[in-house]
Protein backbone atom coordinates (compact mmCIF):
# COMPACT_ATOMS: atom_id res chain seq x y z
CA UNK A 1 -178.95 -15.08 24.31
CA UNK A 2 -181.49 -13.11 22.58
CA UNK A 3 -181.61 -10.73 25.57
CA UNK A 4 -177.91 -10.25 25.26
CA UNK A 5 -178.23 -9.29 21.64
CA UNK A 6 -181.16 -7.06 22.36
CA UNK A 7 -179.09 -5.00 25.00
CA UNK A 8 -176.08 -4.91 22.67
CA UNK A 9 -178.19 -3.40 19.83
CA UNK A 10 -179.78 -0.89 22.28
CA UNK A 11 -176.24 0.09 23.60
CA UNK A 12 -175.27 0.52 19.86
CA UNK A 13 -178.24 2.72 19.12
CA UNK A 14 -177.70 4.83 22.24
CA UNK A 15 -174.12 5.42 21.28
CA UNK A 16 -175.18 6.47 17.86
CA UNK A 17 -177.73 8.85 19.36
CA UNK A 18 -174.94 10.14 21.56
CA UNK A 19 -172.74 10.85 18.73
CA UNK A 20 -175.52 12.63 16.89
CA UNK A 21 -176.33 14.76 19.92
CA UNK A 22 -172.50 15.74 20.31
CA UNK A 23 -172.29 16.65 16.58
CA UNK A 24 -175.54 18.63 16.85
CA UNK A 25 -174.25 20.53 19.88
CA UNK A 26 -170.95 21.16 18.36
CA UNK A 27 -172.38 22.47 14.90
CA UNK A 28 -174.91 24.74 16.88
CA UNK A 29 -172.04 26.06 18.86
CA UNK A 30 -169.85 26.87 15.79
CA UNK A 31 -172.76 28.52 14.10
CA UNK A 32 -173.73 30.48 17.27
CA UNK A 33 -170.44 31.23 18.44
CA UNK A 34 -170.61 35.03 18.35
CA UNK A 35 -173.62 35.30 20.80
CA UNK A 36 -172.05 32.50 22.92
CA UNK A 37 -168.76 34.28 23.19
CA UNK A 38 -170.56 37.55 23.86
CA UNK A 39 -172.49 35.93 26.68
CA UNK A 40 -169.39 34.04 28.19
CA UNK A 41 -167.36 37.27 28.20
CA UNK A 42 -170.22 39.15 29.92
CA UNK A 43 -168.59 38.78 33.50
CA UNK A 44 -165.68 40.77 32.18
CA UNK A 45 -167.96 43.81 31.86
CA UNK A 46 -167.79 44.44 35.52
CA UNK A 47 -164.64 46.20 34.49
CA UNK A 48 -165.86 48.66 31.80
CA UNK A 49 -162.49 49.63 30.45
CA UNK A 50 -161.22 46.06 29.71
CA UNK A 51 -160.51 44.99 26.13
CA UNK A 52 -160.18 41.35 25.12
CA UNK A 53 -157.08 40.77 22.92
CA UNK A 54 -156.54 38.40 19.96
CA UNK A 55 -152.72 38.35 19.20
CA UNK A 56 -152.34 35.39 16.90
CA UNK A 57 -153.72 35.15 13.32
CA UNK A 58 -155.75 31.93 13.93
CA UNK A 59 -156.21 32.49 17.58
CA UNK A 60 -159.88 33.38 17.26
CA UNK A 61 -160.74 30.21 15.26
CA UNK A 62 -158.75 27.91 17.37
CA UNK A 63 -160.92 29.39 20.42
CA UNK A 64 -164.07 28.68 18.32
CA UNK A 65 -163.20 25.00 17.68
CA UNK A 66 -161.78 24.33 21.16
CA UNK A 67 -164.73 26.04 23.05
CA UNK A 68 -167.31 24.41 20.78
CA UNK A 69 -165.77 21.02 21.58
CA UNK A 70 -165.82 21.79 25.26
CA UNK A 71 -169.47 22.92 25.13
CA UNK A 72 -170.42 19.88 23.18
CA UNK A 73 -169.08 17.54 25.97
CA UNK A 74 -170.09 19.76 28.82
CA UNK A 75 -173.74 20.21 27.51
CA UNK A 76 -173.85 16.48 26.61
CA UNK A 77 -173.88 15.50 30.36
CA UNK A 78 -177.84 15.74 30.70
CA UNK A 79 -178.25 13.67 27.37
CA UNK A 80 -175.60 11.10 28.79
CA UNK A 81 -177.42 10.97 32.18
CA UNK A 82 -180.86 10.29 30.36
CA UNK A 83 -179.21 7.55 28.19
CA UNK A 84 -177.82 5.72 31.19
CA UNK A 85 -181.26 6.08 32.99
CA UNK A 86 -183.35 5.02 30.09
CA UNK A 87 -181.06 1.89 29.47
CA UNK A 88 -180.95 0.77 33.06
CA UNK A 89 -184.41 1.69 34.35
CA UNK A 90 -186.51 -1.20 32.48
CA UNK A 91 -184.30 -3.96 34.30
CA UNK A 92 -184.92 -2.62 37.81
CA UNK A 93 -187.56 -3.49 40.37
CA UNK A 94 -189.98 -0.57 41.35
CA UNK A 95 -187.97 0.29 44.52
CA UNK A 96 -184.88 0.45 42.55
CA UNK A 97 -186.45 2.51 39.80
CA UNK A 98 -187.45 4.96 42.35
CA UNK A 99 -183.95 5.32 43.86
CA UNK A 100 -182.40 5.54 40.48
CA UNK A 101 -184.71 8.12 39.28
CA UNK A 102 -184.10 10.10 42.36
CA UNK A 103 -180.33 10.25 41.69
CA UNK A 104 -180.98 11.14 38.15
CA UNK A 105 -183.15 14.19 39.10
CA UNK A 106 -180.63 15.20 41.89
CA UNK A 107 -177.57 14.95 39.49
CA UNK A 108 -179.40 16.99 36.94
CA UNK A 109 -180.53 19.56 39.54
CA UNK A 110 -177.02 19.95 40.83
CA UNK A 111 -175.58 20.30 37.35
CA UNK A 112 -178.03 23.23 36.66
CA UNK A 113 -177.38 24.75 40.17
CA UNK A 114 -173.68 24.53 39.83
CA UNK A 115 -173.70 26.33 36.55
CA UNK A 116 -175.77 29.18 37.84
CA UNK A 117 -173.96 29.74 41.03
CA UNK A 118 -170.49 29.48 39.50
CA UNK A 119 -171.22 31.65 36.53
CA UNK A 120 -173.68 34.23 37.89
CA UNK A 121 -172.32 34.82 41.46
CA UNK A 122 -168.70 33.40 41.99
CA UNK A 123 -167.17 34.29 38.58
CA UNK A 124 -168.06 38.04 38.77
CA UNK A 125 -166.38 38.18 42.28
CA UNK A 126 -163.19 36.45 40.94
CA UNK A 127 -162.91 38.81 37.97
CA UNK A 128 -163.64 41.94 40.02
CA UNK A 129 -160.91 40.93 42.52
CA UNK A 130 -158.39 40.22 39.79
CA UNK A 131 -158.99 43.55 38.14
CA UNK A 132 -159.10 45.69 41.36
CA UNK A 133 -155.16 45.94 41.08
CA UNK A 134 -155.45 47.53 37.53
CA UNK A 135 -153.57 50.41 38.83
CA UNK A 136 -150.09 51.57 39.94
CA UNK A 137 -148.58 49.29 42.61
CA UNK A 138 -145.30 50.52 43.95
CA UNK A 139 -143.03 51.16 40.89
CA UNK A 140 -145.30 48.98 38.55
CA UNK A 141 -147.91 50.37 36.34
CA UNK A 142 -150.30 47.37 35.99
CA UNK A 143 -152.92 47.17 33.19
CA UNK A 144 -154.82 43.97 32.55
CA UNK A 145 -155.69 43.28 29.00
CA UNK A 146 -156.83 39.52 28.87
CA UNK A 147 -156.41 37.46 25.81
CA UNK A 148 -159.44 35.60 24.53
CA UNK A 149 -157.71 32.26 24.31
CA UNK A 150 -156.50 32.60 27.93
CA UNK A 151 -159.97 33.77 29.33
CA UNK A 152 -161.84 30.95 27.53
CA UNK A 153 -159.37 28.34 28.69
CA UNK A 154 -159.75 29.63 32.35
CA UNK A 155 -163.44 29.58 31.94
CA UNK A 156 -163.59 26.11 30.59
CA UNK A 157 -161.37 24.69 33.63
CA UNK A 158 -163.54 26.92 36.02
CA UNK A 159 -166.88 25.50 34.83
CA UNK A 160 -165.42 21.88 34.77
CA UNK A 161 -164.05 22.35 38.30
CA UNK A 162 -167.62 23.40 39.69
CA UNK A 163 -169.26 20.62 37.77
CA UNK A 164 -167.30 18.03 39.59
CA UNK A 165 -167.80 20.13 42.92
CA UNK A 166 -171.41 20.07 42.55
CA UNK A 167 -171.50 16.41 41.57
CA UNK A 168 -169.57 15.51 44.66
CA UNK A 169 -172.61 15.50 47.07
CA UNK A 170 -174.62 13.25 44.63
CA UNK A 171 -171.78 10.81 44.65
CA UNK A 172 -171.75 10.84 48.52
CA UNK A 173 -175.36 10.50 48.81
CA UNK A 174 -175.29 7.56 46.50
CA UNK A 175 -172.61 5.89 48.49
CA UNK A 176 -174.64 6.46 51.61
CA UNK A 177 -177.74 5.08 50.05
CA UNK A 178 -176.17 1.80 49.17
CA UNK A 179 -174.33 1.68 52.58
CA UNK A 180 -170.78 1.93 51.20
CA UNK A 181 -170.37 5.06 53.33
CA UNK A 182 -171.65 5.68 56.90
CA UNK A 183 -172.21 8.81 59.05
CA UNK A 184 -169.49 7.35 61.44
CA UNK A 185 -166.92 7.41 58.73
CA UNK A 186 -167.83 10.81 57.61
CA UNK A 187 -167.78 12.00 61.11
CA UNK A 188 -164.35 10.51 61.67
CA UNK A 189 -162.84 12.23 58.74
CA UNK A 190 -164.57 15.55 59.34
CA UNK A 191 -161.37 17.50 60.17
CA UNK A 192 -159.61 16.08 57.05
CA UNK A 193 -162.55 17.06 54.80
CA UNK A 194 -162.66 20.56 56.29
CA UNK A 195 -159.02 21.05 55.55
CA UNK A 196 -159.58 19.81 51.93
CA UNK A 197 -162.48 22.23 51.63
CA UNK A 198 -160.29 25.15 52.77
CA UNK A 199 -157.56 24.35 50.14
CA UNK A 200 -160.36 23.85 47.47
CA UNK A 201 -161.78 27.22 48.21
CA UNK A 202 -158.43 28.88 47.99
CA UNK A 203 -158.08 27.60 44.48
CA UNK A 204 -161.81 28.14 43.24
CA UNK A 205 -162.54 31.57 44.97
CA UNK A 206 -160.96 35.03 44.85
CA UNK A 207 -157.85 35.30 47.23
CA UNK A 208 -159.68 37.35 49.75
CA UNK A 209 -160.76 35.73 53.02
CA UNK A 210 -164.46 36.65 52.85
CA UNK A 211 -164.96 34.82 49.44
CA UNK A 212 -162.77 31.84 50.72
CA UNK A 213 -164.91 31.55 53.98
CA UNK A 214 -168.09 31.87 52.04
CA UNK A 215 -167.31 29.02 49.74
CA UNK A 216 -165.97 27.02 52.57
CA UNK A 217 -169.01 27.48 54.66
CA UNK A 218 -171.12 26.25 51.68
CA UNK A 219 -169.12 23.17 51.43
CA UNK A 220 -169.26 22.67 55.11
CA UNK A 221 -172.98 22.96 55.15
CA UNK A 222 -173.20 20.34 52.28
CA UNK A 223 -171.12 17.82 54.26
CA UNK A 224 -172.81 18.50 57.58
CA UNK A 225 -176.13 17.96 55.74
CA UNK A 226 -174.70 14.59 54.35
CA UNK A 227 -173.71 13.46 57.78
CA UNK A 228 -177.28 14.29 59.20
CA UNK A 229 -178.67 12.63 56.07
CA UNK A 230 -176.43 9.58 56.50
CA UNK A 231 -177.53 9.40 60.25
CA UNK A 232 -181.20 9.44 59.42
CA UNK A 233 -180.70 6.96 56.68
CA UNK A 234 -179.02 4.49 58.94
CA UNK A 235 -181.72 4.67 61.61
CA UNK A 236 -184.51 4.50 59.10
CA UNK A 237 -182.83 1.36 57.55
CA UNK A 238 -182.28 -0.26 60.99
CA UNK A 239 -186.00 0.39 62.02
CA UNK A 240 -187.21 -1.03 58.72
CA UNK A 241 -185.11 -4.17 59.20
CA UNK A 242 -186.28 -4.60 62.72
CA UNK A 243 -189.84 -4.36 61.73
CA UNK A 244 -189.26 -6.79 58.85
CA UNK A 245 -187.72 -9.32 61.19
CA UNK A 246 -190.47 -8.84 63.82
CA UNK A 247 -193.08 -9.63 61.06
CA UNK A 248 -191.13 -12.70 60.08
CA UNK A 249 -191.39 -14.23 63.61
CA UNK A 250 -194.03 -16.82 64.25
CA UNK A 251 -196.84 -15.61 66.25
């Protein structure tokens, strides 16, 4: 009973620390919103003539609040991961601690990698493709003048999409590690997975064939690596179980 109350108290304190972290990130984002927005709109500078519009009276301040809330929850993810890790790790055996710590580091690494790849490489490609038609097309004289609210909304959904995309391999590896998913299942659904990746690339990448194939190839490499990892993991587990059973036999 004492253990139950101890864990309840720890959950309460970790929730309090989480709320404090969220509020700290939110306040920091609101205070530093000008350099943050300047940095977030930097990919638009691939088109030198573009101007960002604010058409409503309160649009800028609504963007400030909404984007600060988004950043608070988005950047809170590493803190959330650490809180879960710190709460669970004392109750695990050494082997379980090693596995859980591996997934913690992997998830954090993929979080950082996803942000770097999506913001510094893919986003400029998306923007440059969208603005290449900033000219006369047929009888239409097209001129793109993005609104701040629309761009920030697009950027939020874009970063969130890549966040889930780069956490997807971590989830699959966890399922493989705990034997909830095997390489046979992954191999049997390979065609369906490839079709899903093609559709996903069409939504996440610029609508030119090179960018779509590039992103699809990355996803295919990831899934093929996971199939290979699953195969090795299955063989490694079977060898260990066979050695364990052979040691148990009376000599």
